[in-house]
N, C-alpha and C. Protein backbone atom coordinates (compact mmCIF):
# COMPACT_ATOMS: atom_id res chain seq x y z
N UNK A 1 -110.49 15.81 -148.13
CA UNK A 1 -109.96 16.03 -149.47
C UNK A 1 -108.90 14.97 -149.78
N UNK A 2 -109.02 14.34 -150.91
CA UNK A 2 -108.06 13.33 -151.35
C UNK A 2 -106.86 14.03 -151.99
N UNK A 3 -105.68 13.63 -151.57
CA UNK A 3 -104.46 14.20 -152.15
C UNK A 3 -103.96 13.29 -153.27
N UNK A 4 -103.56 13.90 -154.37
CA UNK A 4 -103.09 13.18 -155.54
C UNK A 4 -101.57 13.10 -155.56
N UNK A 5 -101.06 11.88 -155.67
CA UNK A 5 -99.62 11.66 -155.82
C UNK A 5 -99.38 11.06 -157.19
N UNK A 6 -98.44 11.62 -157.92
CA UNK A 6 -98.00 11.04 -159.18
C UNK A 6 -96.72 10.28 -158.89
N UNK A 7 -96.76 8.97 -159.10
CA UNK A 7 -95.61 8.11 -158.85
C UNK A 7 -95.03 7.64 -160.17
N UNK A 8 -93.79 8.02 -160.42
CA UNK A 8 -93.07 7.58 -161.61
C UNK A 8 -92.07 6.53 -161.12
N UNK A 9 -92.46 5.29 -161.27
CA UNK A 9 -91.72 4.17 -160.67
C UNK A 9 -91.60 3.04 -161.69
N UNK A 10 -90.40 2.48 -161.80
CA UNK A 10 -90.15 1.42 -162.77
C UNK A 10 -90.63 0.06 -162.30
N UNK A 11 -90.73 -0.13 -161.00
CA UNK A 11 -91.14 -1.43 -160.48
C UNK A 11 -92.60 -1.38 -160.05
N UNK A 12 -93.44 -2.05 -160.82
CA UNK A 12 -94.89 -2.01 -160.58
C UNK A 12 -95.25 -2.48 -159.16
N UNK A 13 -94.56 -3.48 -158.66
CA UNK A 13 -94.87 -3.99 -157.32
C UNK A 13 -94.64 -2.92 -156.24
N UNK A 14 -93.60 -2.12 -156.42
CA UNK A 14 -93.34 -1.04 -155.47
C UNK A 14 -94.47 -0.01 -155.56
N UNK A 15 -94.86 0.29 -156.78
CA UNK A 15 -95.96 1.23 -156.98
C UNK A 15 -97.25 0.75 -156.34
N UNK A 16 -97.56 -0.52 -156.51
CA UNK A 16 -98.77 -1.08 -155.91
C UNK A 16 -98.69 -1.07 -154.39
N UNK A 17 -97.52 -1.38 -153.85
CA UNK A 17 -97.33 -1.36 -152.40
C UNK A 17 -97.55 0.06 -151.85
N UNK A 18 -96.99 1.05 -152.53
CA UNK A 18 -97.16 2.44 -152.10
C UNK A 18 -98.63 2.84 -152.17
N UNK A 19 -99.28 2.49 -153.26
CA UNK A 19 -100.70 2.82 -153.41
C UNK A 19 -101.56 2.16 -152.34
N UNK A 20 -101.32 0.89 -152.07
CA UNK A 20 -102.09 0.17 -151.05
C UNK A 20 -101.87 0.76 -149.66
N UNK A 21 -100.69 1.26 -149.41
CA UNK A 21 -100.40 1.86 -148.10
C UNK A 21 -101.03 3.24 -147.97
N UNK A 22 -100.92 4.06 -149.02
CA UNK A 22 -101.37 5.45 -148.93
C UNK A 22 -102.86 5.66 -149.17
N UNK A 23 -103.48 4.80 -149.96
CA UNK A 23 -104.90 4.99 -150.29
C UNK A 23 -105.81 5.09 -149.07
N UNK A 24 -105.70 4.19 -148.08
CA UNK A 24 -106.57 4.31 -146.91
C UNK A 24 -106.29 5.57 -146.07
N UNK A 25 -105.16 6.21 -146.33
CA UNK A 25 -104.79 7.40 -145.56
C UNK A 25 -105.21 8.69 -146.26
N UNK A 26 -105.97 8.55 -147.36
CA UNK A 26 -106.49 9.72 -148.06
C UNK A 26 -105.69 10.18 -149.25
N UNK A 27 -104.86 9.32 -149.80
CA UNK A 27 -104.08 9.66 -150.98
C UNK A 27 -104.55 8.84 -152.18
N UNK A 28 -104.56 9.46 -153.34
CA UNK A 28 -104.82 8.75 -154.58
C UNK A 28 -103.51 8.73 -155.35
N UNK A 29 -103.07 7.54 -155.75
CA UNK A 29 -101.79 7.40 -156.43
C UNK A 29 -102.01 7.08 -157.90
N UNK A 30 -101.45 7.93 -158.77
CA UNK A 30 -101.46 7.70 -160.21
C UNK A 30 -100.05 7.29 -160.62
N UNK A 31 -99.95 6.52 -161.70
CA UNK A 31 -98.66 6.00 -162.14
C UNK A 31 -98.27 6.55 -163.51
N UNK A 32 -96.99 6.77 -163.70
CA UNK A 32 -96.42 7.10 -165.00
C UNK A 32 -95.16 6.28 -165.15
N UNK A 33 -94.93 5.75 -166.35
CA UNK A 33 -93.76 4.91 -166.55
C UNK A 33 -92.73 5.50 -167.51
N UNK A 34 -92.86 6.81 -167.76
CA UNK A 34 -91.88 7.49 -168.61
C UNK A 34 -91.91 8.99 -168.31
N UNK A 35 -90.88 9.66 -168.74
CA UNK A 35 -90.82 11.12 -168.57
C UNK A 35 -91.98 11.78 -169.31
N UNK A 36 -92.23 11.32 -170.53
CA UNK A 36 -93.32 11.88 -171.33
C UNK A 36 -94.66 11.75 -170.62
N UNK A 37 -94.95 10.56 -170.10
CA UNK A 37 -96.22 10.35 -169.40
C UNK A 37 -96.30 11.17 -168.12
N UNK A 38 -95.19 11.30 -167.44
CA UNK A 38 -95.13 12.11 -166.22
C UNK A 38 -95.50 13.55 -166.55
N UNK A 39 -94.85 14.12 -167.54
CA UNK A 39 -95.09 15.52 -167.90
C UNK A 39 -96.49 15.72 -168.47
N UNK A 40 -96.98 14.75 -169.24
CA UNK A 40 -98.35 14.85 -169.77
C UNK A 40 -99.37 14.87 -168.63
N UNK A 41 -99.17 14.01 -167.64
CA UNK A 41 -100.07 13.97 -166.49
C UNK A 41 -100.08 15.32 -165.79
N UNK A 42 -98.89 15.87 -165.55
CA UNK A 42 -98.77 17.14 -164.82
C UNK A 42 -99.42 18.28 -165.60
N UNK A 43 -99.33 18.25 -166.93
CA UNK A 43 -99.96 19.30 -167.72
C UNK A 43 -101.48 19.23 -167.64
N UNK A 44 -102.04 18.03 -167.49
CA UNK A 44 -103.49 17.87 -167.41
C UNK A 44 -104.02 18.15 -166.00
N UNK A 45 -103.29 17.68 -165.01
CA UNK A 45 -103.71 17.86 -163.62
C UNK A 45 -102.46 17.88 -162.75
N UNK A 46 -102.26 18.98 -162.08
CA UNK A 46 -101.09 19.10 -161.23
C UNK A 46 -101.35 18.34 -159.93
N UNK A 47 -100.53 17.32 -159.66
CA UNK A 47 -100.72 16.54 -158.43
C UNK A 47 -100.23 17.33 -157.22
N UNK A 48 -100.54 16.81 -156.05
CA UNK A 48 -100.07 17.43 -154.81
C UNK A 48 -98.60 17.12 -154.55
N UNK A 49 -98.14 15.94 -155.01
CA UNK A 49 -96.76 15.50 -154.84
C UNK A 49 -96.38 14.63 -156.04
N UNK A 50 -95.13 14.76 -156.49
CA UNK A 50 -94.57 13.89 -157.52
C UNK A 50 -93.43 13.10 -156.88
N UNK A 51 -93.44 11.79 -157.10
CA UNK A 51 -92.35 10.93 -156.63
C UNK A 51 -91.71 10.32 -157.87
N UNK A 52 -90.41 10.57 -158.04
CA UNK A 52 -89.69 10.08 -159.22
C UNK A 52 -88.66 9.03 -158.83
N UNK A 53 -88.78 7.86 -159.43
CA UNK A 53 -87.74 6.84 -159.32
C UNK A 53 -86.57 7.31 -160.18
N UNK A 54 -85.40 7.36 -159.61
CA UNK A 54 -84.24 7.88 -160.34
C UNK A 54 -83.66 6.88 -161.35
N UNK A 55 -84.18 5.65 -161.37
CA UNK A 55 -83.61 4.63 -162.26
C UNK A 55 -84.57 4.11 -163.32
N UNK A 56 -85.47 4.94 -163.75
CA UNK A 56 -86.37 4.51 -164.82
C UNK A 56 -85.66 4.62 -166.16
N UNK A 57 -85.89 3.66 -167.02
CA UNK A 57 -85.25 3.63 -168.34
C UNK A 57 -85.65 4.85 -169.16
N UNK A 58 -86.92 5.21 -169.12
CA UNK A 58 -87.42 6.30 -169.96
C UNK A 58 -87.67 7.57 -169.16
N UNK A 59 -86.84 7.81 -168.14
CA UNK A 59 -87.01 9.01 -167.33
C UNK A 59 -85.66 9.43 -166.77
N UNK A 60 -85.24 10.62 -167.12
CA UNK A 60 -84.04 11.22 -166.54
C UNK A 60 -84.54 12.16 -165.45
N UNK A 61 -84.36 11.79 -164.20
CA UNK A 61 -84.98 12.54 -163.10
C UNK A 61 -84.51 13.99 -163.06
N UNK A 62 -83.25 14.24 -163.37
CA UNK A 62 -82.76 15.63 -163.36
C UNK A 62 -83.48 16.46 -164.41
N UNK A 63 -83.58 15.91 -165.60
CA UNK A 63 -84.25 16.63 -166.69
C UNK A 63 -85.75 16.79 -166.39
N UNK A 64 -86.35 15.76 -165.82
CA UNK A 64 -87.78 15.83 -165.51
C UNK A 64 -88.05 16.90 -164.46
N UNK A 65 -87.26 16.92 -163.40
CA UNK A 65 -87.43 17.95 -162.37
C UNK A 65 -87.23 19.33 -162.98
N UNK A 66 -86.21 19.48 -163.81
CA UNK A 66 -85.94 20.77 -164.45
C UNK A 66 -87.13 21.21 -165.30
N UNK A 67 -87.70 20.28 -166.08
CA UNK A 67 -88.85 20.63 -166.93
C UNK A 67 -90.06 21.02 -166.09
N UNK A 68 -90.27 20.32 -165.00
CA UNK A 68 -91.39 20.66 -164.11
C UNK A 68 -91.20 22.08 -163.58
N UNK A 69 -90.01 22.39 -163.12
CA UNK A 69 -89.73 23.71 -162.55
C UNK A 69 -89.75 24.81 -163.62
N UNK A 70 -89.28 24.50 -164.84
CA UNK A 70 -89.31 25.49 -165.93
C UNK A 70 -90.73 25.88 -166.29
N UNK A 71 -91.69 24.97 -166.07
CA UNK A 71 -93.09 25.28 -166.34
C UNK A 71 -93.71 26.12 -165.22
N UNK A 72 -92.92 26.41 -164.20
CA UNK A 72 -93.40 27.20 -163.09
C UNK A 72 -94.22 26.41 -162.08
N UNK A 73 -94.16 25.10 -162.17
CA UNK A 73 -94.93 24.24 -161.27
C UNK A 73 -94.15 24.06 -159.97
N UNK A 74 -94.80 24.39 -158.89
CA UNK A 74 -94.16 24.36 -157.57
C UNK A 74 -94.45 23.08 -156.80
N UNK A 75 -95.14 22.14 -157.42
CA UNK A 75 -95.48 20.87 -156.76
C UNK A 75 -94.23 20.23 -156.15
N UNK A 76 -94.32 19.78 -154.90
CA UNK A 76 -93.17 19.10 -154.30
C UNK A 76 -92.80 17.83 -155.08
N UNK A 77 -91.51 17.65 -155.26
CA UNK A 77 -90.97 16.47 -155.96
C UNK A 77 -90.04 15.73 -155.00
N UNK A 78 -90.30 14.44 -154.84
CA UNK A 78 -89.42 13.58 -154.04
C UNK A 78 -88.74 12.59 -154.97
N UNK A 79 -87.46 12.36 -154.77
CA UNK A 79 -86.72 11.38 -155.55
C UNK A 79 -86.64 10.08 -154.76
N UNK A 80 -86.80 8.98 -155.45
CA UNK A 80 -86.79 7.65 -154.85
C UNK A 80 -85.70 6.84 -155.55
N UNK A 81 -84.72 6.35 -154.77
CA UNK A 81 -83.60 5.67 -155.42
C UNK A 81 -82.87 4.71 -154.50
N UNK A 82 -82.33 3.67 -155.11
CA UNK A 82 -81.41 2.78 -154.41
C UNK A 82 -79.97 3.13 -154.80
N UNK A 83 -79.84 4.12 -155.67
CA UNK A 83 -78.53 4.56 -156.15
C UNK A 83 -77.91 5.50 -155.13
N UNK A 84 -76.74 5.18 -154.70
CA UNK A 84 -76.09 6.03 -153.74
C UNK A 84 -75.30 7.14 -154.42
N UNK A 85 -75.54 7.34 -155.73
CA UNK A 85 -74.96 8.48 -156.45
C UNK A 85 -75.70 9.76 -156.10
N UNK A 86 -76.97 9.64 -155.73
CA UNK A 86 -77.74 10.79 -155.25
C UNK A 86 -78.04 10.45 -153.80
N UNK A 87 -77.07 10.65 -152.96
CA UNK A 87 -77.17 10.13 -151.60
C UNK A 87 -77.69 11.10 -150.58
N UNK A 88 -77.81 12.34 -150.93
CA UNK A 88 -78.16 13.28 -149.87
C UNK A 88 -79.34 14.15 -150.23
N UNK A 89 -79.96 14.61 -149.19
CA UNK A 89 -81.04 15.58 -149.33
C UNK A 89 -80.52 16.82 -150.07
N UNK A 90 -79.30 17.23 -149.76
CA UNK A 90 -78.72 18.42 -150.38
C UNK A 90 -78.61 18.27 -151.89
N UNK A 91 -78.20 17.09 -152.37
CA UNK A 91 -78.11 16.86 -153.81
C UNK A 91 -79.48 16.90 -154.47
N UNK A 92 -80.47 16.32 -153.81
CA UNK A 92 -81.83 16.33 -154.35
C UNK A 92 -82.34 17.76 -154.46
N UNK A 93 -82.12 18.54 -153.43
CA UNK A 93 -82.58 19.93 -153.43
C UNK A 93 -81.83 20.74 -154.49
N UNK A 94 -80.54 20.49 -154.65
CA UNK A 94 -79.74 21.21 -155.64
C UNK A 94 -80.27 20.99 -157.05
N UNK A 95 -80.87 19.84 -157.30
CA UNK A 95 -81.40 19.58 -158.64
C UNK A 95 -82.86 20.00 -158.77
N UNK A 96 -83.42 20.61 -157.73
CA UNK A 96 -84.78 21.14 -157.81
C UNK A 96 -85.84 20.31 -157.12
N UNK A 97 -85.45 19.19 -156.54
CA UNK A 97 -86.40 18.33 -155.82
C UNK A 97 -86.56 18.84 -154.39
N UNK A 98 -87.55 18.32 -153.72
CA UNK A 98 -87.83 18.73 -152.34
C UNK A 98 -87.36 17.72 -151.31
N UNK A 99 -86.91 16.55 -151.77
CA UNK A 99 -86.46 15.54 -150.84
C UNK A 99 -86.04 14.27 -151.54
N UNK A 100 -85.57 13.33 -150.74
CA UNK A 100 -84.99 12.09 -151.24
C UNK A 100 -85.41 10.94 -150.33
N UNK A 101 -85.78 9.83 -150.94
CA UNK A 101 -86.12 8.61 -150.21
C UNK A 101 -85.26 7.48 -150.74
N UNK A 102 -84.71 6.69 -149.84
CA UNK A 102 -83.86 5.57 -150.24
C UNK A 102 -84.65 4.28 -150.32
N UNK A 103 -84.28 3.45 -151.32
CA UNK A 103 -84.77 2.08 -151.38
C UNK A 103 -83.75 1.22 -150.68
N UNK A 104 -84.11 0.20 -149.96
CA UNK A 104 -85.49 -0.25 -149.81
C UNK A 104 -86.30 0.77 -149.02
N UNK A 105 -87.49 0.99 -149.49
CA UNK A 105 -88.37 2.02 -148.97
C UNK A 105 -89.07 1.57 -147.70
N UNK A 106 -89.02 2.43 -146.70
CA UNK A 106 -89.81 2.20 -145.49
C UNK A 106 -91.04 3.09 -145.62
N UNK A 107 -92.21 2.48 -145.58
CA UNK A 107 -93.44 3.20 -145.86
C UNK A 107 -93.70 4.34 -144.88
N UNK A 108 -93.32 4.16 -143.63
CA UNK A 108 -93.51 5.25 -142.67
C UNK A 108 -92.65 6.46 -143.04
N UNK A 109 -91.44 6.21 -143.57
CA UNK A 109 -90.59 7.31 -144.03
C UNK A 109 -91.24 8.03 -145.21
N UNK A 110 -91.82 7.25 -146.12
CA UNK A 110 -92.52 7.82 -147.27
C UNK A 110 -93.64 8.74 -146.79
N UNK A 111 -94.47 8.23 -145.91
CA UNK A 111 -95.59 9.02 -145.41
C UNK A 111 -95.09 10.29 -144.73
N UNK A 112 -94.05 10.18 -143.94
CA UNK A 112 -93.49 11.33 -143.25
C UNK A 112 -93.00 12.38 -144.25
N UNK A 113 -92.30 11.96 -145.29
CA UNK A 113 -91.79 12.88 -146.30
C UNK A 113 -92.93 13.54 -147.06
N UNK A 114 -93.92 12.75 -147.48
CA UNK A 114 -95.05 13.29 -148.24
C UNK A 114 -95.78 14.33 -147.41
N UNK A 115 -96.10 13.98 -146.19
CA UNK A 115 -96.80 14.93 -145.31
C UNK A 115 -95.94 16.17 -145.07
N UNK A 116 -94.64 15.97 -144.92
CA UNK A 116 -93.73 17.08 -144.67
C UNK A 116 -93.66 18.07 -145.83
N UNK A 117 -93.70 17.59 -147.06
CA UNK A 117 -93.56 18.51 -148.20
C UNK A 117 -94.87 19.19 -148.57
N UNK A 118 -96.00 18.65 -148.15
CA UNK A 118 -97.27 19.29 -148.46
C UNK A 118 -97.79 20.14 -147.32
N UNK A 119 -97.16 20.04 -146.15
CA UNK A 119 -97.64 20.81 -144.98
C UNK A 119 -97.31 22.28 -145.11
């Protein structure tokens, strides 16, 4: 079974790198470049995991996570950021996410987190 990941990422190269790494491992990666597109995707098809870049111009990660949770969607959400303002797993969980990944991203850490939240 192919697992669907929705990646909301501002840097296309990072998105492509993640997709190239995860695709051979049985993941299908879809992209959204705004909060609106992220929520529209989730309403049409609930992915297995959502990864949100915390620094997208058209995406407020706190509001997006809140909207996902208000819809009753339990899909795991991971935050991806180089911002040390959201520096801890505890902060990510407090805002409704299931985990946090720091940039620069180590792909093995990404895989470990994704597998961990869907297990």
